[in-house]
Amino acid sequence: MGLDILTANDRLGEYPPSWYAATAMPLAPFPEAAGEISCDVAVIGGGYTGLSAALHLAQ
């Protein structure tokens, strides 16, 4: 069984059961990046800071 990224860092019993956690489907593995890849900017992370940075760069 692979790593469940949805609950990998959870402490048992810390959070109440949620509908999302009970119904979320596991992600299929992403293919490994191959070859030469280049970009002007790479936003790492999807939190508020990463989303804000990506939005401002896109505008």
N, C-alpha and C. Protein backbone atom coordinates (compact mmCIF):
# COMPACT_ATOMS: atom_id res chain seq x y z
N MET A 1 0.84 -1.18 0.00
CA MET A 1 0.00 0.00 0.00
C MET A 1 0.89 1.24 0.00
N GLY A 2 0.56 2.21 -0.82
CA GLY A 2 1.33 3.44 -0.92
C GLY A 2 1.01 4.42 0.20
N LEU A 3 1.71 5.50 0.20
CA LEU A 3 1.52 6.56 1.18
C LEU A 3 0.20 7.27 0.93
N ASP A 4 -0.60 7.42 1.97
CA ASP A 4 -1.86 8.16 1.87
C ASP A 4 -1.56 9.61 2.23
N ILE A 5 -1.37 10.46 1.21
CA ILE A 5 -0.95 11.83 1.47
C ILE A 5 -2.03 12.66 2.16
N LEU A 6 -3.27 12.20 2.12
CA LEU A 6 -4.34 12.94 2.77
C LEU A 6 -4.23 12.88 4.28
N THR A 7 -3.78 11.75 4.82
CA THR A 7 -3.74 11.58 6.27
C THR A 7 -2.36 11.22 6.80
N ALA A 8 -1.33 11.35 6.00
CA ALA A 8 0.01 10.90 6.39
C ALA A 8 0.52 11.60 7.65
N ASN A 9 0.20 12.86 7.84
CA ASN A 9 0.72 13.61 8.98
C ASN A 9 -0.29 13.76 10.12
N ASP A 10 -1.46 13.16 9.99
CA ASP A 10 -2.48 13.28 11.04
C ASP A 10 -2.13 12.45 12.26
N ARG A 11 -2.49 12.95 13.42
CA ARG A 11 -2.39 12.17 14.65
C ARG A 11 -3.75 11.52 14.86
N LEU A 12 -3.76 10.23 15.14
CA LEU A 12 -5.02 9.50 15.30
C LEU A 12 -5.87 10.12 16.40
N GLY A 13 -7.15 10.31 16.13
CA GLY A 13 -8.07 10.84 17.10
C GLY A 13 -8.02 12.35 17.28
N GLU A 14 -7.15 13.04 16.56
CA GLU A 14 -7.01 14.49 16.73
C GLU A 14 -8.13 15.25 16.05
N TYR A 15 -8.59 14.78 14.91
CA TYR A 15 -9.61 15.48 14.16
C TYR A 15 -10.87 14.63 14.07
N PRO A 16 -12.04 15.28 14.05
CA PRO A 16 -13.28 14.51 13.89
C PRO A 16 -13.36 13.95 12.47
N PRO A 17 -14.10 12.87 12.27
CA PRO A 17 -14.23 12.32 10.93
C PRO A 17 -14.86 13.35 9.99
N SER A 18 -14.39 13.38 8.76
CA SER A 18 -14.96 14.32 7.79
C SER A 18 -15.46 13.58 6.56
N TRP A 19 -16.46 14.15 5.91
CA TRP A 19 -17.01 13.56 4.70
C TRP A 19 -15.94 13.55 3.61
N TYR A 20 -15.17 14.64 3.52
CA TYR A 20 -14.14 14.72 2.48
C TYR A 20 -13.11 13.60 2.65
N ALA A 21 -12.61 13.43 3.86
CA ALA A 21 -11.59 12.40 4.09
C ALA A 21 -12.15 11.01 3.82
N ALA A 22 -13.42 10.80 4.09
CA ALA A 22 -14.02 9.49 3.89
C ALA A 22 -14.30 9.20 2.42
N THR A 23 -14.46 10.23 1.59
CA THR A 23 -14.85 10.00 0.20
C THR A 23 -13.79 10.40 -0.83
N ALA A 24 -12.70 11.03 -0.40
CA ALA A 24 -11.66 11.45 -1.35
C ALA A 24 -10.97 10.23 -1.95
N MET A 25 -10.82 10.26 -3.25
CA MET A 25 -10.15 9.16 -3.94
C MET A 25 -8.64 9.41 -3.92
N PRO A 26 -7.83 8.35 -3.76
CA PRO A 26 -6.38 8.54 -3.78
C PRO A 26 -5.92 9.03 -5.16
N LEU A 27 -4.89 9.84 -5.16
CA LEU A 27 -4.33 10.34 -6.41
C LEU A 27 -3.50 9.27 -7.09
N ALA A 28 -3.60 9.23 -8.40
CA ALA A 28 -2.72 8.34 -9.17
C ALA A 28 -1.32 8.92 -9.14
N PRO A 29 -0.30 8.08 -9.16
CA PRO A 29 1.07 8.61 -9.16
C PRO A 29 1.33 9.46 -10.41
N PHE A 30 2.03 10.55 -10.23
CA PHE A 30 2.39 11.41 -11.35
C PHE A 30 3.64 10.85 -12.01
N PRO A 31 3.75 10.97 -13.34
CA PRO A 31 4.96 10.49 -14.00
C PRO A 31 6.16 11.36 -13.61
N GLU A 32 7.30 10.75 -13.61
CA GLU A 32 8.54 11.46 -13.28
C GLU A 32 8.89 12.43 -14.41
N ALA A 33 9.33 13.62 -14.04
CA ALA A 33 9.74 14.60 -15.05
C ALA A 33 10.99 14.08 -15.76
N ALA A 34 10.98 14.15 -17.08
CA ALA A 34 12.11 13.66 -17.85
C ALA A 34 12.55 14.73 -18.85
N GLY A 35 13.79 14.70 -19.20
CA GLY A 35 14.30 15.65 -20.17
C GLY A 35 14.60 16.99 -19.53
N GLU A 36 14.90 17.95 -20.37
CA GLU A 36 15.24 19.29 -19.89
C GLU A 36 13.97 20.11 -19.76
N ILE A 37 13.77 20.69 -18.60
CA ILE A 37 12.60 21.51 -18.33
C ILE A 37 13.08 22.89 -17.91
N SER A 38 12.49 23.92 -18.50
CA SER A 38 12.87 25.28 -18.11
C SER A 38 11.61 26.12 -17.92
N CYS A 39 11.73 27.13 -17.08
CA CYS A 39 10.62 28.05 -16.85
C CYS A 39 11.19 29.36 -16.31
N ASP A 40 10.40 30.41 -16.40
CA ASP A 40 10.82 31.70 -15.85
C ASP A 40 10.61 31.72 -14.34
N VAL A 41 9.49 31.18 -13.89
CA VAL A 41 9.14 31.17 -12.46
C VAL A 41 8.48 29.85 -12.13
N ALA A 42 8.84 29.28 -11.00
CA ALA A 42 8.17 28.06 -10.51
C ALA A 42 7.60 28.37 -9.14
N VAL A 43 6.29 28.25 -9.00
CA VAL A 43 5.63 28.47 -7.71
C VAL A 43 5.53 27.12 -7.03
N ILE A 44 6.15 27.02 -5.87
CA ILE A 44 6.13 25.78 -5.10
C ILE A 44 5.16 25.98 -3.95
N GLY A 45 4.12 25.19 -3.91
CA GLY A 45 3.16 25.28 -2.82
C GLY A 45 1.84 25.87 -3.29
N GLY A 46 0.78 25.41 -2.67
CA GLY A 46 -0.56 25.86 -3.04
C GLY A 46 -1.29 26.51 -1.89
N GLY A 47 -0.55 27.00 -0.91
CA GLY A 47 -1.18 27.73 0.19
C GLY A 47 -1.52 29.14 -0.27
N TYR A 48 -1.91 29.98 0.67
CA TYR A 48 -2.29 31.36 0.32
C TYR A 48 -1.16 32.10 -0.38
N THR A 49 0.06 31.93 0.10
CA THR A 49 1.18 32.65 -0.50
C THR A 49 1.45 32.16 -1.92
N GLY A 50 1.46 30.83 -2.12
CA GLY A 50 1.69 30.29 -3.45
C GLY A 50 0.59 30.65 -4.43
N LEU A 51 -0.66 30.58 -3.99
CA LEU A 51 -1.78 30.94 -4.86
C LEU A 51 -1.75 32.42 -5.21
N SER A 52 -1.44 33.27 -4.23
CA SER A 52 -1.36 34.70 -4.49
C SER A 52 -0.22 35.01 -5.46
N ALA A 53 0.92 34.37 -5.27
CA ALA A 53 2.05 34.59 -6.17
C ALA A 53 1.70 34.16 -7.59
N ALA A 54 1.08 33.00 -7.74
CA ALA A 54 0.71 32.51 -9.07
C ALA A 54 -0.31 33.43 -9.73
N LEU A 55 -1.28 33.90 -8.95
CA LEU A 55 -2.30 34.80 -9.50
C LEU A 55 -1.67 36.11 -9.98
N HIS A 56 -0.81 36.70 -9.16
CA HIS A 56 -0.17 37.96 -9.54
C HIS A 56 0.75 37.77 -10.75
N LEU A 57 1.45 36.66 -10.82
CA LEU A 57 2.32 36.41 -11.97
C LEU A 57 1.50 36.20 -13.24
N ALA A 58 0.35 35.55 -13.12
CA ALA A 58 -0.49 35.30 -14.29
C ALA A 58 -1.11 36.59 -14.83
N GLN A 59 -1.33 37.56 -13.95
CA GLN A 59 -1.94 38.82 -14.38
C GLN A 59 -0.88 39.70 -15.00
